[in-house]
Protein backbone atom coordinates (compact mmCIF):
# COMPACT_ATOMS: atom_id res chain seq x y z
CA UNK A 1 -12.13 -19.30 25.47
CA UNK A 2 -11.88 -15.62 24.53
CA UNK A 3 -8.07 -15.77 24.62
CA UNK A 4 -7.94 -18.68 22.19
CA UNK A 5 -10.43 -17.02 19.85
CA UNK A 6 -8.56 -13.71 19.87
CA UNK A 7 -5.28 -15.55 19.25
CA UNK A 8 -6.75 -17.33 16.23
CA UNK A 9 -8.16 -14.10 14.80
CA UNK A 10 -4.82 -12.38 15.31
CA UNK A 11 -2.99 -15.26 13.65
CA UNK A 12 -5.33 -15.11 10.66
CA UNK A 13 -4.90 -11.34 10.31
CA UNK A 14 -1.12 -11.58 10.55
CA UNK A 15 -1.08 -14.27 7.88
CA UNK A 16 -3.29 -12.18 5.60
CA UNK A 17 -1.18 -9.04 6.12
CA UNK A 18 2.02 -10.96 5.43
CA UNK A 19 0.62 -12.42 2.22
CA UNK A 20 -0.58 -9.03 1.00
CA UNK A 21 2.68 -7.27 1.78
CA UNK A 22 4.68 -10.03 0.13
CA UNK A 23 2.46 -9.82 -2.95
CA UNK A 24 2.94 -6.04 -3.07
CA UNK A 25 6.70 -6.36 -2.85
CA UNK A 26 6.79 -9.04 -5.52
CA UNK A 27 4.61 -6.99 -7.87
CA UNK A 28 5.83 -3.44 -7.36
CA UNK A 29 9.45 -3.88 -6.45
CA UNK A 30 10.27 -6.59 -8.95
CA UNK A 31 12.73 -4.48 -10.90
CA UNK A 32 14.40 -2.69 -8.00
CA UNK A 33 17.82 -4.25 -7.52
CA UNK A 34 18.34 -2.93 -3.98
CA UNK A 35 15.34 -4.87 -2.68
CA UNK A 36 16.74 -8.13 -4.00
CA UNK A 37 19.78 -7.72 -1.74
CA UNK A 38 19.87 -10.01 1.31
CA UNK A 39 20.65 -7.07 3.62
CA UNK A 40 17.62 -5.00 2.60
CA UNK A 41 15.28 -6.41 5.31
CA UNK A 42 17.94 -5.94 7.97
CA UNK A 43 18.57 -2.34 6.93
CA UNK A 44 14.83 -1.63 6.88
CA UNK A 45 14.36 -3.16 10.33
CA UNK A 46 17.25 -1.24 11.86
CA UNK A 47 16.02 1.99 10.28
CA UNK A 48 12.53 1.44 11.62
CA UNK A 49 13.87 0.65 15.08
CA UNK A 50 15.96 3.83 15.09
CA UNK A 51 12.97 5.95 14.09
CA UNK A 52 10.59 4.29 16.57
CA UNK A 53 13.00 4.15 19.53
CA UNK A 54 12.64 7.79 20.66
CA UNK A 55 8.85 7.57 20.44
CA UNK A 56 8.53 4.34 22.40
CA UNK A 57 11.10 5.34 24.98
CA UNK A 58 8.62 7.96 26.22
CA UNK A 59 5.82 5.44 26.85
CA UNK A 60 6.84 4.65 30.47
CA UNK A 61 6.63 8.37 31.23
CA UNK A 62 3.13 8.57 29.80
CA UNK A 63 1.99 5.82 32.16
CA UNK A 64 3.19 7.73 35.21
CA UNK A 65 0.69 10.54 34.59
């Protein structure tokens, strides 16, 4: 029962966060031409993965301690 409830709460929070971030992008970045490009989300995702990769690659070592 707890798993289903936590899943529903998580789903609601993800939906709310997506709606708010989409609203922010539509409002604030309306006149930025680079954001309207189809490759912008891909470039942002790859950039985030490259920044986060060194940090998260150390997580298995933290668990050994």
